[in-house]
All heavy atoms as atom14 arrays in JSON, in Angstrom:
{
  "sequence": "DFQDFYKITSLTVPQYDLNIGYFFDNKWDLGIEVAWNHLKYIVTDN",
  "atom14_mask": [
    [1, 1, 1, 1, 1, 1, 1, 1, 0, 0, 0, 0, 0, 0],
    [1, 1, 1, 1, 1, 1, 1, 1, 1, 1, 1, 0, 0, 0],
    [1, 1, 1, 1, 1, 1, 1, 1, 1, 0, 0, 0, 0, 0],
    [1, 1, 1, 1, 1, 1, 1, 1, 0, 0, 0, 0, 0, 0],
    [1, 1, 1, 1, 1, 1, 1, 1, 1, 1, 1, 0, 0, 0],
    [1, 1, 1, 1, 1, 1, 1, 1, 1, 1, 1, 1, 0, 0],
    [1, 1, 1, 1, 1, 1, 1, 1, 1, 0, 0, 0, 0, 0],
    [1, 1, 1, 1, 1, 1, 1, 1, 0, 0, 0, 0, 0, 0],
    [1, 1, 1, 1, 1, 1, 1, 0, 0, 0, 0, 0, 0, 0],
    [1, 1, 1, 1, 1, 1, 0, 0, 0, 0, 0, 0, 0, 0],
    [1, 1, 1, 1, 1, 1, 1, 1, 0, 0, 0, 0, 0, 0],
    [1, 1, 1, 1, 1, 1, 1, 0, 0, 0, 0, 0, 0, 0],
    [1, 1, 1, 1, 1, 1, 1, 0, 0, 0, 0, 0, 0, 0],
    [1, 1, 1, 1, 1, 1, 1, 0, 0, 0, 0, 0, 0, 0],
    [1, 1, 1, 1, 1, 1, 1, 1, 1, 0, 0, 0, 0, 0],
    [1, 1, 1, 1, 1, 1, 1, 1, 1, 1, 1, 1, 0, 0],
    [1, 1, 1, 1, 1, 1, 1, 1, 0, 0, 0, 0, 0, 0],
    [1, 1, 1, 1, 1, 1, 1, 1, 0, 0, 0, 0, 0, 0],
    [1, 1, 1, 1, 1, 1, 1, 1, 0, 0, 0, 0, 0, 0],
    [1, 1, 1, 1, 1, 1, 1, 1, 0, 0, 0, 0, 0, 0],
    [1, 1, 1, 1, 0, 0, 0, 0, 0, 0, 0, 0, 0, 0],
    [1, 1, 1, 1, 1, 1, 1, 1, 1, 1, 1, 1, 0, 0],
    [1, 1, 1, 1, 1, 1, 1, 1, 1, 1, 1, 0, 0, 0],
    [1, 1, 1, 1, 1, 1, 1, 1, 1, 1, 1, 0, 0, 0],
    [1, 1, 1, 1, 1, 1, 1, 1, 0, 0, 0, 0, 0, 0],
    [1, 1, 1, 1, 1, 1, 1, 1, 0, 0, 0, 0, 0, 0],
    [1, 1, 1, 1, 1, 1, 1, 1, 1, 0, 0, 0, 0, 0],
    [1, 1, 1, 1, 1, 1, 1, 1, 1, 1, 1, 1, 1, 1],
    [1, 1, 1, 1, 1, 1, 1, 1, 0, 0, 0, 0, 0, 0],
    [1, 1, 1, 1, 1, 1, 1, 1, 0, 0, 0, 0, 0, 0],
    [1, 1, 1, 1, 0, 0, 0, 0, 0, 0, 0, 0, 0, 0],
    [1, 1, 1, 1, 1, 1, 1, 1, 0, 0, 0, 0, 0, 0],
    [1, 1, 1, 1, 1, 1, 1, 1, 1, 0, 0, 0, 0, 0],
    [1, 1, 1, 1, 1, 1, 1, 0, 0, 0, 0, 0, 0, 0],
    [1, 1, 1, 1, 1, 0, 0, 0, 0, 0, 0, 0, 0, 0],
    [1, 1, 1, 1, 1, 1, 1, 1, 1, 1, 1, 1, 1, 1],
    [1, 1, 1, 1, 1, 1, 1, 1, 0, 0, 0, 0, 0, 0],
    [1, 1, 1, 1, 1, 1, 1, 1, 1, 1, 0, 0, 0, 0],
    [1, 1, 1, 1, 1, 1, 1, 1, 0, 0, 0, 0, 0, 0],
    [1, 1, 1, 1, 1, 1, 1, 1, 1, 0, 0, 0, 0, 0],
    [1, 1, 1, 1, 1, 1, 1, 1, 1, 1, 1, 1, 0, 0],
    [1, 1, 1, 1, 1, 1, 1, 1, 0, 0, 0, 0, 0, 0],
    [1, 1, 1, 1, 1, 1, 1, 0, 0, 0, 0, 0, 0, 0],
    [1, 1, 1, 1, 1, 1, 1, 0, 0, 0, 0, 0, 0, 0],
    [1, 1, 1, 1, 1, 1, 1, 1, 0, 0, 0, 0, 0, 0],
    [1, 1, 1, 1, 1, 1, 1, 1, 0, 0, 0, 0, 0, 0]
  ],
  "atom14_positions": [
    [[-10.22, -5.45, -7.48], [-9.48, -6.11, -8.57], [-8.5, -7.15, -8.05], [-7.34, -7.22, -8.48], [-8.75, -5.1, -9.38], [-9.68, -4.23, -10.27], [-10.8, -4.76, -10.63], [-9.3, -3.08, -10.59], [0.0, 0.0, 0.0], [0.0, 0.0, 0.0], [0.0, 0.0, 0.0], [0.0, 0.0, 0.0], [0.0, 0.0, 0.0], [0.0, 0.0, 0.0]],
    [[-8.94, -8.04, -7.18], [-8.11, -9.05, -6.56], [-8.02, -10.33, -7.38], [-7.33, -11.28, -6.98], [-8.58, -9.39, -5.16], [-8.37, -8.34, -4.13], [-9.2, -8.17, -3.09], [-7.23, -7.54, -4.18], [-9.0, -7.21, -2.12], [-7.02, -6.55, -3.24], [-7.9, -6.39, -2.17], [0.0, 0.0, 0.0], [0.0, 0.0, 0.0], [0.0, 0.0, 0.0]],
    [[-8.68, -10.42, -8.56], [-8.77, -11.71, -9.24], [-7.4, -12.34, -9.49], [-7.23, -13.56, -9.35], [-9.5, -11.53, -10.58], [-10.94, -11.04, -10.47], [-11.04, -9.49, -10.49], [-10.11, -8.83, -10.09], [-12.1, -8.97, -11.0], [0.0, 0.0, 0.0], [0.0, 0.0, 0.0], [0.0, 0.0, 0.0], [0.0, 0.0, 0.0], [0.0, 0.0, 0.0]],
    [[-6.43, -11.56, -9.95], [-5.12, -12.16, -10.33], [-3.97, -11.55, -9.55], [-2.85, -11.48, -10.04], [-4.88, -11.94, -11.81], [-5.95, -12.58, -12.68], [-6.26, -13.81, -12.39], [-6.41, -12.0, -13.67], [0.0, 0.0, 0.0], [0.0, 0.0, 0.0], [0.0, 0.0, 0.0], [0.0, 0.0, 0.0], [0.0, 0.0, 0.0], [0.0, 0.0, 0.0]],
    [[-4.21, -11.15, -8.31], [-3.15, -10.45, -7.57], [-1.93, -11.24, -7.3], [-0.81, -10.75, -7.08], [-3.73, -10.0, -6.17], [-3.86, -11.04, -5.17], [-2.86, -11.28, -4.23], [-5.0, -11.88, -5.1], [-2.96, -12.28, -3.28], [-5.09, -12.87, -4.17], [-4.11, -13.04, -3.26], [0.0, 0.0, 0.0], [0.0, 0.0, 0.0], [0.0, 0.0, 0.0]],
    [[-2.08, -12.6, -7.36], [-0.94, -13.54, -7.08], [0.02, -13.66, -8.25], [1.07, -14.22, -8.15], [-1.47, -14.91, -6.69], [-2.42, -15.5, -7.74], [-1.94, -16.28, -8.75], [-3.79, -15.24, -7.68], [-2.78, -16.81, -9.7], [-4.66, -15.78, -8.63], [-4.15, -16.57, -9.62], [-5.0, -17.03, -10.52], [0.0, 0.0, 0.0], [0.0, 0.0, 0.0]],
    [[-0.34, -13.14, -9.4], [0.52, -13.22, -10.57], [1.49, -12.06, -10.56], [1.12, -10.92, -10.27], [-0.37, -13.2, -11.9], [-1.29, -14.34, -12.04], [-2.09, -14.25, -13.29], [-3.06, -15.38, -13.46], [-3.89, -15.26, -14.72], [0.0, 0.0, 0.0], [0.0, 0.0, 0.0], [0.0, 0.0, 0.0], [0.0, 0.0, 0.0], [0.0, 0.0, 0.0]],
    [[2.75, -12.34, -10.89], [3.79, -11.29, -10.88], [3.41, -10.13, -11.77], [3.64, -8.99, -11.44], [5.13, -11.93, -11.33], [5.62, -12.97, -10.27], [6.19, -10.82, -11.5], [5.9, -12.4, -8.94], [0.0, 0.0, 0.0], [0.0, 0.0, 0.0], [0.0, 0.0, 0.0], [0.0, 0.0, 0.0], [0.0, 0.0, 0.0], [0.0, 0.0, 0.0]],
    [[2.83, -10.42, -12.94], [2.49, -9.35, -13.85], [1.28, -8.54, -13.41], [0.95, -7.52, -14.05], [2.19, -9.94, -15.25], [1.15, -10.94, -15.12], [3.43, -10.61, -15.84], [0.0, 0.0, 0.0], [0.0, 0.0, 0.0], [0.0, 0.0, 0.0], [0.0, 0.0, 0.0], [0.0, 0.0, 0.0], [0.0, 0.0, 0.0], [0.0, 0.0, 0.0]],
    [[0.61, -8.95, -12.34], [-0.61, -8.27, -11.91], [-0.47, -7.71, -10.49], [-1.48, -7.35, -9.88], [-1.82, -9.24, -11.96], [-2.03, -9.72, -13.32], [0.0, 0.0, 0.0], [0.0, 0.0, 0.0], [0.0, 0.0, 0.0], [0.0, 0.0, 0.0], [0.0, 0.0, 0.0], [0.0, 0.0, 0.0], [0.0, 0.0, 0.0], [0.0, 0.0, 0.0]],
    [[0.74, -7.64, -9.95], [0.89, -7.23, -8.56], [0.34, -5.81, -8.32], [-0.22, -5.56, -7.21], [2.38, -7.18, -8.21], [3.05, -8.57, -7.98], [4.55, -8.35, -7.7], [2.37, -9.34, -6.86], [0.0, 0.0, 0.0], [0.0, 0.0, 0.0], [0.0, 0.0, 0.0], [0.0, 0.0, 0.0], [0.0, 0.0, 0.0], [0.0, 0.0, 0.0]],
    [[0.39, -4.9, -9.25], [-0.04, -3.52, -9.06], [-1.44, -3.27, -9.61], [-1.85, -2.11, -9.61], [0.96, -2.53, -9.64], [1.06, -2.73, -11.09], [2.31, -2.67, -9.03], [0.0, 0.0, 0.0], [0.0, 0.0, 0.0], [0.0, 0.0, 0.0], [0.0, 0.0, 0.0], [0.0, 0.0, 0.0], [0.0, 0.0, 0.0], [0.0, 0.0, 0.0]],
    [[-2.14, -4.28, -10.04], [-3.5, -4.09, -10.56], [-4.48, -3.87, -9.43], [-5.31, -2.97, -9.51], [-3.91, -5.31, -11.45], [-5.38, -5.2, -11.83], [-3.07, -5.34, -12.71], [0.0, 0.0, 0.0], [0.0, 0.0, 0.0], [0.0, 0.0, 0.0], [0.0, 0.0, 0.0], [0.0, 0.0, 0.0], [0.0, 0.0, 0.0], [0.0, 0.0, 0.0]],
    [[-4.45, -4.64, -8.32], [-5.36, -4.37, -7.25], [-5.0, -3.11, -6.45], [-4.04, -2.46, -6.71], [-5.2, -5.63, -6.33], [-4.45, -6.64, -7.15], [-3.61, -5.87, -8.09], [0.0, 0.0, 0.0], [0.0, 0.0, 0.0], [0.0, 0.0, 0.0], [0.0, 0.0, 0.0], [0.0, 0.0, 0.0], [0.0, 0.0, 0.0], [0.0, 0.0, 0.0]],
    [[-5.84, -2.81, -5.47], [-5.6, -1.75, -4.54], [-4.46, -2.2, -3.61], [-4.66, -3.12, -2.82], [-6.86, -1.44, -3.75], [-8.01, -1.0, -4.64], [-9.37, -0.88, -3.93], [-10.22, -0.15, -4.4], [-9.49, -1.57, -2.82], [0.0, 0.0, 0.0], [0.0, 0.0, 0.0], [0.0, 0.0, 0.0], [0.0, 0.0, 0.0], [0.0, 0.0, 0.0]],
    [[-3.32, -1.53, -3.69], [-2.14, -2.03, -3.0], [-1.49, -0.92, -2.13], [-1.75, 0.28, -2.28], [-1.12, -2.61, -3.95], [-0.43, -1.59, -4.84], [0.73, -0.9, -4.42], [-0.94, -1.31, -6.1], [1.32, 0.05, -5.24], [-0.32, -0.36, -6.93], [0.81, 0.32, -6.49], [1.42, 1.22, -7.28], [0.0, 0.0, 0.0], [0.0, 0.0, 0.0]],
    [[-0.57, -1.35, -1.22], [0.17, -0.44, -0.39], [1.68, -0.83, -0.42], [2.01, -2.01, -0.37], [-0.28, -0.53, 1.05], [-1.72, -0.17, 1.22], [-2.12, 0.95, 1.04], [-2.52, -1.14, 1.51], [0.0, 0.0, 0.0], [0.0, 0.0, 0.0], [0.0, 0.0, 0.0], [0.0, 0.0, 0.0], [0.0, 0.0, 0.0], [0.0, 0.0, 0.0]],
    [[2.51, 0.16, -0.52], [3.95, 0.03, -0.45], [4.5, 1.0, 0.59], [4.3, 2.22, 0.45], [4.62, 0.25, -1.78], [6.15, 0.24, -1.84], [6.7, -1.1, -1.37], [6.68, 0.67, -3.19], [0.0, 0.0, 0.0], [0.0, 0.0, 0.0], [0.0, 0.0, 0.0], [0.0, 0.0, 0.0], [0.0, 0.0, 0.0], [0.0, 0.0, 0.0]],
    [[5.13, 0.49, 1.64], [5.63, 1.32, 2.71], [7.1, 1.03, 2.92], [7.55, -0.14, 3.01], [4.87, 1.0, 4.04], [3.37, 1.22, 3.9], [2.91, 2.27, 3.38], [2.61, 0.31, 4.38], [0.0, 0.0, 0.0], [0.0, 0.0, 0.0], [0.0, 0.0, 0.0], [0.0, 0.0, 0.0], [0.0, 0.0, 0.0], [0.0, 0.0, 0.0]],
    [[7.89, 2.1, 3.06], [9.31, 2.0, 3.42], [9.59, 2.88, 4.6], [9.23, 4.05, 4.61], [10.17, 2.46, 2.23], [9.91, 1.56, 0.98], [11.66, 2.39, 2.59], [10.61, 2.06, -0.22], [0.0, 0.0, 0.0], [0.0, 0.0, 0.0], [0.0, 0.0, 0.0], [0.0, 0.0, 0.0], [0.0, 0.0, 0.0], [0.0, 0.0, 0.0]],
    [[10.18, 2.27, 5.66], [10.32, 3.09, 6.88], [11.52, 2.7, 7.72], [12.32, 1.79, 7.33], [0.0, 0.0, 0.0], [0.0, 0.0, 0.0], [0.0, 0.0, 0.0], [0.0, 0.0, 0.0], [0.0, 0.0, 0.0], [0.0, 0.0, 0.0], [0.0, 0.0, 0.0], [0.0, 0.0, 0.0], [0.0, 0.0, 0.0], [0.0, 0.0, 0.0]],
    [[11.68, 3.38, 8.84], [12.81, 3.18, 9.72], [12.37, 3.38, 11.17], [11.75, 4.44, 11.48], [13.94, 4.13, 9.38], [15.13, 4.02, 10.32], [16.01, 2.98, 10.19], [15.39, 4.97, 11.28], [17.12, 2.85, 10.99], [16.52, 4.87, 12.12], [17.38, 3.8, 11.95], [18.44, 3.68, 12.82], [0.0, 0.0, 0.0], [0.0, 0.0, 0.0]],
    [[12.58, 2.43, 12.03], [12.35, 2.56, 13.48], [13.68, 2.93, 14.12], [14.7, 2.24, 13.99], [11.82, 1.26, 14.07], [10.34, 1.12, 13.97], [9.74, 0.23, 13.12], [9.51, 1.93, 14.72], [8.4, 0.11, 13.04], [8.14, 1.82, 14.69], [7.54, 0.92, 13.83], [0.0, 0.0, 0.0], [0.0, 0.0, 0.0], [0.0, 0.0, 0.0]],
    [[13.68, 4.05, 14.85], [14.86, 4.47, 15.67], [15.0, 3.55, 16.87], [14.0, 3.07, 17.41], [14.69, 5.91, 16.07], [14.51, 6.88, 14.93], [13.27, 7.34, 14.62], [15.62, 7.28, 14.21], [13.06, 8.22, 13.55], [15.44, 8.18, 13.13], [14.18, 8.64, 12.84], [0.0, 0.0, 0.0], [0.0, 0.0, 0.0], [0.0, 0.0, 0.0]],
    [[16.2, 3.38, 17.27], [16.44, 2.65, 18.51], [16.41, 3.59, 19.68], [17.45, 4.13, 20.09], [17.82, 1.9, 18.39], [18.11, 1.08, 19.64], [17.14, 0.75, 20.37], [19.28, 0.8, 19.88], [0.0, 0.0, 0.0], [0.0, 0.0, 0.0], [0.0, 0.0, 0.0], [0.0, 0.0, 0.0], [0.0, 0.0, 0.0], [0.0, 0.0, 0.0]],
    [[15.2, 3.91, 20.16], [15.08, 4.82, 21.28], [13.98, 4.39, 22.21], [13.23, 3.47, 21.92], [14.84, 6.31, 20.77], [13.55, 6.39, 19.95], [12.56, 5.73, 20.21], [13.63, 7.17, 18.9], [0.0, 0.0, 0.0], [0.0, 0.0, 0.0], [0.0, 0.0, 0.0], [0.0, 0.0, 0.0], [0.0, 0.0, 0.0], [0.0, 0.0, 0.0]],
    [[13.92, 4.99, 23.35], [12.95, 4.57, 24.4], [11.49, 4.83, 24.01], [10.6, 4.29, 24.59], [13.29, 5.17, 25.72], [13.13, 6.68, 25.72], [13.52, 7.26, 27.11], [13.4, 8.81, 27.11], [13.72, 9.35, 28.45], [0.0, 0.0, 0.0], [0.0, 0.0, 0.0], [0.0, 0.0, 0.0], [0.0, 0.0, 0.0], [0.0, 0.0, 0.0]],
    [[11.3, 5.73, 23.03], [9.9, 6.05, 22.63], [9.39, 5.13, 21.53], [8.23, 5.21, 21.19], [9.83, 7.5, 22.16], [10.3, 8.49, 23.21], [9.62, 8.84, 24.34], [11.49, 9.16, 23.24], [10.29, 9.74, 25.05], [11.49, 10.0, 24.42], [12.63, 9.26, 22.42], [12.59, 10.8, 24.75], [13.65, 10.08, 22.77], [13.63, 10.84, 23.91]],
    [[10.26, 4.29, 20.97], [9.8, 3.39, 19.89], [9.2, 4.13, 18.73], [8.08, 3.8, 18.3], [8.88, 2.29, 20.4], [9.59, 0.93, 20.62], [10.7, 0.77, 20.09], [9.01, 0.09, 21.27], [0.0, 0.0, 0.0], [0.0, 0.0, 0.0], [0.0, 0.0, 0.0], [0.0, 0.0, 0.0], [0.0, 0.0, 0.0], [0.0, 0.0, 0.0]],
    [[9.85, 5.16, 18.29], [9.34, 5.99, 17.2], [9.98, 5.66, 15.86], [11.09, 5.07, 15.8], [9.58, 7.47, 17.48], [8.86, 8.06, 18.67], [9.28, 9.53, 18.84], [7.36, 7.97, 18.5], [0.0, 0.0, 0.0], [0.0, 0.0, 0.0], [0.0, 0.0, 0.0], [0.0, 0.0, 0.0], [0.0, 0.0, 0.0], [0.0, 0.0, 0.0]],
    [[9.29, 5.95, 14.79], [9.82, 5.7, 13.45], [9.24, 6.66, 12.44], [8.35, 7.44, 12.77], [0.0, 0.0, 0.0], [0.0, 0.0, 0.0], [0.0, 0.0, 0.0], [0.0, 0.0, 0.0], [0.0, 0.0, 0.0], [0.0, 0.0, 0.0], [0.0, 0.0, 0.0], [0.0, 0.0, 0.0], [0.0, 0.0, 0.0], [0.0, 0.0, 0.0]],
    [[9.78, 6.65, 11.24], [9.23, 7.44, 10.15], [9.01, 6.52, 8.94], [9.69, 5.47, 8.81], [10.19, 8.59, 9.77], [11.59, 8.07, 9.41], [10.24, 9.69, 10.81], [12.52, 9.15, 8.84], [0.0, 0.0, 0.0], [0.0, 0.0, 0.0], [0.0, 0.0, 0.0], [0.0, 0.0, 0.0], [0.0, 0.0, 0.0], [0.0, 0.0, 0.0]],
    [[8.13, 6.92, 8.07], [7.74, 6.04, 6.96], [7.3, 6.88, 5.79], [6.58, 7.91, 5.93], [6.6, 5.11, 7.44], [6.01, 4.21, 6.37], [4.79, 3.5, 6.9], [3.69, 4.07, 6.91], [4.97, 2.33, 7.29], [0.0, 0.0, 0.0], [0.0, 0.0, 0.0], [0.0, 0.0, 0.0], [0.0, 0.0, 0.0], [0.0, 0.0, 0.0]],
    [[7.67, 6.41, 4.6], [7.07, 6.93, 3.37], [6.09, 5.87, 2.84], [6.48, 4.69, 2.69], [8.15, 7.22, 2.32], [7.51, 7.65, 0.99], [9.1, 8.35, 2.79], [0.0, 0.0, 0.0], [0.0, 0.0, 0.0], [0.0, 0.0, 0.0], [0.0, 0.0, 0.0], [0.0, 0.0, 0.0], [0.0, 0.0, 0.0], [0.0, 0.0, 0.0]],
    [[4.85, 6.28, 2.65], [3.85, 5.28, 2.26], [3.21, 5.67, 0.91], [2.9, 6.9, 0.68], [2.75, 5.24, 3.31], [0.0, 0.0, 0.0], [0.0, 0.0, 0.0], [0.0, 0.0, 0.0], [0.0, 0.0, 0.0], [0.0, 0.0, 0.0], [0.0, 0.0, 0.0], [0.0, 0.0, 0.0], [0.0, 0.0, 0.0], [0.0, 0.0, 0.0]],
    [[3.01, 4.71, 0.09], [2.3, 4.91, -1.16], [1.08, 3.97, -1.12], [1.17, 2.74, -1.2], [3.15, 4.53, -2.37], [2.46, 4.56, -3.72], [2.01, 3.52, -4.43], [2.17, 5.74, -4.47], [1.45, 3.95, -5.6], [1.56, 5.26, -5.67], [2.42, 7.11, -4.35], [1.12, 6.18, -6.69], [2.03, 7.97, -5.32], [1.4, 7.54, -6.5]],
    [[-0.1, 4.63, -0.97], [-1.36, 3.84, -0.83], [-2.16, 4.04, -2.12], [-2.55, 5.14, -2.47], [-2.19, 4.37, 0.32], [-1.51, 4.31, 1.66], [-1.82, 5.05, 2.57], [-0.59, 3.36, 1.82], [0.0, 0.0, 0.0], [0.0, 0.0, 0.0], [0.0, 0.0, 0.0], [0.0, 0.0, 0.0], [0.0, 0.0, 0.0], [0.0, 0.0, 0.0]],
    [[-2.3, 2.94, -2.84], [-3.03, 2.95, -4.13], [-4.43, 2.45, -3.9], [-4.7, 1.25, -3.8], [-2.31, 2.06, -5.11], [-3.0, 1.87, -6.45], [-3.04, 2.9, -7.41], [-3.64, 0.83, -7.0], [-3.72, 2.46, -8.45], [-4.1, 1.2, -8.22], [0.0, 0.0, 0.0], [0.0, 0.0, 0.0], [0.0, 0.0, 0.0], [0.0, 0.0, 0.0]],
    [[-5.36, 3.39, -3.7], [-6.78, 3.14, -3.57], [-7.43, 3.41, -4.89], [-6.9, 4.05, -5.77], [-7.4, 3.99, -2.42], [-6.87, 3.79, -0.99], [-5.55, 4.46, -0.76], [-7.91, 4.35, -0.02], [0.0, 0.0, 0.0], [0.0, 0.0, 0.0], [0.0, 0.0, 0.0], [0.0, 0.0, 0.0], [0.0, 0.0, 0.0], [0.0, 0.0, 0.0]],
    [[-8.69, 2.97, -5.0], [-9.51, 3.27, -6.15], [-10.84, 3.86, -5.73], [-11.49, 3.32, -4.77], [-9.7, 2.02, -7.03], [-8.4, 1.46, -7.55], [-8.6, 0.25, -8.46], [-7.26, -0.27, -8.9], [-7.37, -1.42, -9.87], [0.0, 0.0, 0.0], [0.0, 0.0, 0.0], [0.0, 0.0, 0.0], [0.0, 0.0, 0.0], [0.0, 0.0, 0.0]],
    [[-11.24, 4.94, -6.37], [-12.44, 5.64, -6.01], [-13.3, 5.87, -7.27], [-12.83, 6.42, -8.26], [-12.02, 7.05, -5.41], [-13.2, 8.0, -5.14], [-13.64, 8.14, -3.79], [-13.77, 8.74, -6.11], [-14.65, 9.02, -3.47], [-14.8, 9.63, -5.79], [-15.24, 9.73, -4.52], [-16.26, 10.62, -4.23], [0.0, 0.0, 0.0], [0.0, 0.0, 0.0]],
    [[-14.55, 5.37, -7.19], [-15.44, 5.45, -8.36], [-16.74, 6.08, -7.92], [-17.43, 5.52, -7.04], [-15.71, 4.1, -8.97], [-14.35, 3.43, -9.36], [-16.6, 4.14, -10.18], [-14.49, 1.93, -9.65], [0.0, 0.0, 0.0], [0.0, 0.0, 0.0], [0.0, 0.0, 0.0], [0.0, 0.0, 0.0], [0.0, 0.0, 0.0], [0.0, 0.0, 0.0]],
    [[-17.13, 7.19, -8.54], [-18.44, 7.73, -8.28], [-19.47, 6.76, -8.92], [-19.34, 6.46, -10.17], [-18.59, 9.14, -8.86], [-20.03, 9.64, -8.71], [-17.62, 10.07, -8.17], [0.0, 0.0, 0.0], [0.0, 0.0, 0.0], [0.0, 0.0, 0.0], [0.0, 0.0, 0.0], [0.0, 0.0, 0.0], [0.0, 0.0, 0.0], [0.0, 0.0, 0.0]],
    [[-20.35, 6.25, -8.14], [-21.26, 5.22, -8.59], [-22.13, 5.7, -9.75], [-22.82, 6.71, -9.63], [-22.15, 4.73, -7.46], [-21.28, 4.31, -6.37], [-23.02, 3.57, -7.87], [0.0, 0.0, 0.0], [0.0, 0.0, 0.0], [0.0, 0.0, 0.0], [0.0, 0.0, 0.0], [0.0, 0.0, 0.0], [0.0, 0.0, 0.0], [0.0, 0.0, 0.0]],
    [[-22.08, 4.98, -10.9], [-22.91, 5.34, -12.06], [-24.36, 5.07, -11.75], [-24.75, 4.2, -10.94], [-22.48, 4.52, -13.24], [-21.15, 4.95, -13.8], [-20.79, 6.16, -13.67], [-20.47, 4.12, -14.44], [0.0, 0.0, 0.0], [0.0, 0.0, 0.0], [0.0, 0.0, 0.0], [0.0, 0.0, 0.0], [0.0, 0.0, 0.0], [0.0, 0.0, 0.0]],
    [[-25.26, 5.81, -12.43], [-26.65, 5.6, -12.47], [-27.33, 5.75, -11.04], [-28.28, 5.04, -10.69], [-27.02, 4.23, -13.04], [-26.55, 4.08, -14.48], [-26.79, 4.93, -15.29], [-25.8, 3.01, -14.74], [0.0, 0.0, 0.0], [0.0, 0.0, 0.0], [0.0, 0.0, 0.0], [0.0, 0.0, 0.0], [0.0, 0.0, 0.0], [0.0, 0.0, 0.0]]
  ]
}
């Protein structure tokens, strides 16, 4: 559903991802993240 993804009113129509996270300042370069992955799954008809 990428036809109108560039329109503000259609940002969440396509398959999208929103991630919010934090990288710690440490020697291991580790971080944590909350991710919302909006995929679409359709059992193929016919």
